[in-house]
Protein backbone atom coordinates (compact mmCIF):
# COMPACT_ATOMS: atom_id res chain seq x y z
CA UNK A 1 -250.03 -52.38 43.09
CA UNK A 2 -251.56 -49.87 40.76
CA UNK A 3 -249.94 -47.72 37.88
CA UNK A 4 -250.23 -43.92 37.63
CA UNK A 5 -252.61 -44.00 34.75
CA UNK A 6 -254.79 -46.39 36.37
CA UNK A 7 -254.62 -44.27 39.82
CA UNK A 8 -255.32 -40.89 37.87
CA UNK A 9 -258.51 -42.62 36.20
CA UNK A 10 -259.83 -43.46 39.72
CA UNK A 11 -259.06 -40.60 41.18
CA UNK A 12 -260.71 -38.22 38.67
CA UNK A 13 -264.07 -39.13 38.92
CA UNK A 14 -264.07 -38.67 42.42
CA UNK A 15 -262.63 -35.19 42.13
CA UNK A 16 -265.29 -34.50 39.47
CA UNK A 17 -267.81 -35.95 41.93
CA UNK A 18 -267.10 -33.47 44.99
CA UNK A 19 -265.49 -30.34 43.05
CA UNK A 20 -268.20 -27.83 43.14
CA UNK A 21 -269.37 -28.78 46.52
CA UNK A 22 -268.46 -26.78 49.66
CA UNK A 23 -265.37 -27.82 51.56
CA UNK A 24 -264.49 -30.71 48.77
CA UNK A 25 -260.88 -31.49 49.84
CA UNK A 26 -262.03 -34.13 52.86
CA UNK A 27 -264.51 -35.72 50.76
CA UNK A 28 -262.22 -36.24 47.48
CA UNK A 29 -259.53 -37.72 50.21
CA UNK A 30 -261.92 -39.98 51.93
CA UNK A 31 -263.59 -41.21 48.54
CA UNK A 32 -259.82 -41.98 47.33
CA UNK A 33 -259.07 -43.54 50.34
CA UNK A 34 -262.18 -45.68 49.91
CA UNK A 35 -261.76 -46.56 46.33
CA UNK A 36 -257.67 -47.16 46.67
CA UNK A 37 -256.86 -47.85 50.41
CA UNK A 38 -254.67 -44.54 50.16
CA UNK A 39 -254.05 -41.66 49.28
CA UNK A 40 -251.14 -41.86 46.52
CA UNK A 41 -248.79 -38.90 46.78
CA UNK A 42 -249.06 -38.17 42.89
CA UNK A 43 -252.29 -37.36 43.09
CA UNK A 44 -251.63 -34.30 45.56
CA UNK A 45 -250.46 -32.13 42.70
CA UNK A 46 -253.81 -33.15 40.46
CA UNK A 47 -256.11 -32.63 43.71
CA UNK A 48 -254.46 -29.10 44.32
CA UNK A 49 -254.97 -28.15 40.51
CA UNK A 50 -258.26 -29.24 39.88
CA UNK A 51 -259.45 -27.45 43.19
CA UNK A 52 -257.29 -24.18 43.11
CA UNK A 53 -255.23 -25.15 45.96
CA UNK A 54 -251.31 -25.18 46.57
CA UNK A 55 -249.68 -28.34 46.98
CA UNK A 56 -248.61 -27.38 50.65
CA UNK A 57 -252.76 -26.88 51.47
CA UNK A 58 -253.45 -30.38 50.42
CA UNK A 59 -250.32 -32.36 51.71
CA UNK A 60 -251.02 -30.36 54.81
CA UNK A 61 -254.43 -31.93 55.27
CA UNK A 62 -253.29 -35.19 54.11
CA UNK A 63 -250.16 -35.23 56.46
CA UNK A 64 -252.60 -34.25 59.53
CA UNK A 65 -254.96 -36.65 59.28
CA UNK A 66 -253.36 -40.27 60.37
CA UNK A 67 -255.92 -42.50 58.23
CA UNK A 68 -254.56 -40.82 55.03
CA UNK A 69 -251.52 -43.20 54.41
CA UNK A 70 -249.75 -42.82 51.16
CA UNK A 71 -248.97 -46.23 50.88
CA UNK A 72 -251.13 -49.02 50.45
CA UNK A 73 -251.95 -50.96 53.81
CA UNK A 74 -251.78 -54.66 54.52
CA UNK A 75 -254.51 -57.18 53.93
CA UNK A 76 -255.35 -56.38 57.57
CA UNK A 77 -254.99 -52.84 59.41
CA UNK A 78 -253.94 -53.23 63.35
CA UNK A 79 -254.29 -49.98 65.36
CA UNK A 80 -253.26 -50.25 68.75
CA UNK A 81 -253.79 -47.30 71.38
CA UNK A 82 -251.18 -45.84 72.77
CA UNK A 83 -252.55 -42.78 74.68
CA UNK A 84 -251.99 -42.81 78.65
CA UNK A 85 -255.11 -44.71 79.88
CA UNK A 86 -254.03 -47.74 77.63
CA UNK A 87 -250.16 -47.44 78.79
CA UNK A 88 -251.06 -47.11 82.42
CA UNK A 89 -253.18 -50.33 82.13
CA UNK A 90 -250.12 -52.54 80.25
CA UNK A 91 -250.88 -51.64 76.80
CA UNK A 92 -246.79 -51.63 76.18
CA UNK A 93 -246.26 -55.26 77.11
CA UNK A 94 -249.42 -56.13 74.74
CA UNK A 95 -247.73 -53.75 71.86
CA UNK A 96 -244.66 -55.01 72.31
CA UNK A 97 -245.72 -58.41 71.77
CA UNK A 98 -247.66 -57.45 68.79
CA UNK A 99 -244.46 -56.00 67.34
CA UNK A 100 -242.61 -58.96 67.97
CA UNK A 101 -245.21 -61.65 66.87
CA UNK A 102 -245.69 -59.85 63.65
CA UNK A 103 -242.32 -58.85 62.74
CA UNK A 104 -243.23 -55.32 62.53
CA UNK A 105 -242.78 -51.87 64.18
CA UNK A 106 -245.36 -49.06 64.40
CA UNK A 107 -246.04 -47.46 60.87
CA UNK A 108 -245.12 -50.64 58.84
CA UNK A 109 -246.34 -53.04 56.75
CA UNK A 110 -245.36 -56.74 56.87
CA UNK A 111 -243.14 -57.62 54.30
CA UNK A 112 -246.04 -60.30 53.26
CA UNK A 113 -248.77 -57.61 53.16
CA UNK A 114 -250.54 -59.38 55.94
CA UNK A 115 -250.84 -56.76 58.38
CA UNK A 116 -250.04 -52.78 58.69
CA UNK A 117 -249.54 -51.84 62.42
CA UNK A 118 -250.49 -48.71 63.45
CA UNK A 119 -250.02 -46.52 66.69
CA UNK A 120 -253.55 -44.43 67.41
CA UNK A 121 -253.90 -42.14 70.47
CA UNK A 122 -256.83 -43.03 71.68
CA UNK A 123 -259.88 -44.89 70.30
CA UNK A 124 -262.21 -43.82 73.13
CA UNK A 125 -262.20 -47.09 75.20
CA UNK A 126 -260.62 -46.05 78.22
CA UNK A 127 -262.72 -48.16 80.45
CA UNK A 128 -261.63 -51.34 78.39
CA UNK A 129 -258.23 -50.16 77.90
CA UNK A 130 -255.76 -51.30 76.60
CA UNK A 131 -257.50 -51.20 73.53
CA UNK A 132 -256.77 -51.99 69.85
CA UNK A 133 -259.11 -52.03 66.27
CA UNK A 134 -258.20 -54.74 63.85
CA UNK A 135 -260.00 -54.00 60.58
CA UNK A 136 -262.59 -51.48 62.19
CA UNK A 137 -263.11 -53.89 64.93
CA UNK A 138 -262.90 -52.54 68.42
CA UNK A 139 -260.82 -54.85 70.92
CA UNK A 140 -261.02 -54.13 74.43
CA UNK A 141 -258.75 -55.22 77.27
CA UNK A 142 -256.09 -56.00 74.93
CA UNK A 143 -253.38 -58.44 76.74
CA UNK A 144 -250.53 -60.54 75.72
CA UNK A 145 -252.72 -63.54 75.09
CA UNK A 146 -255.42 -61.54 72.89
CA UNK A 147 -252.57 -60.22 70.91
CA UNK A 148 -251.16 -63.77 70.07
CA UNK A 149 -254.73 -64.64 68.75
CA UNK A 150 -254.44 -61.23 66.70
CA UNK A 151 -251.19 -62.32 65.33
CA UNK A 152 -252.55 -65.79 64.36
CA UNK A 153 -255.65 -64.08 62.87
CA UNK A 154 -254.16 -61.76 60.60
CA UNK A 155 -251.52 -64.36 59.28
CA UNK A 156 -254.08 -67.16 58.59
């Protein structure tokens, strides 16, 4: 994991790039997410100070959007839709199988850092429910067989 001074040296150029733009907070957070894969809590006061915002304002934005995680994700990020349409089409069984096979609950990263399992509340694939997204690639008609294949893929 990266240390504090290394993180700050990565974050400051991102802040400098966007600070004078209108509405710079989201582009800064997106830049940090792109560079680090997460938004470390330690950078929130720095962002607040540099943008003349309160820490609460910055934290409020970070905590509102689910993609701004505060810990490094696993090598793979698996998002499983937990919305009603996916649940109605059998998504709960596939989700339970994934959790069992991966050995993690929603919101956790496997101890070997192979995968982070995240709940999402609509991927827009209701016609192909249940659905998931693995490393940005959508998966429709998720069933227990596809769940098993995903578990093998992320552990490889």
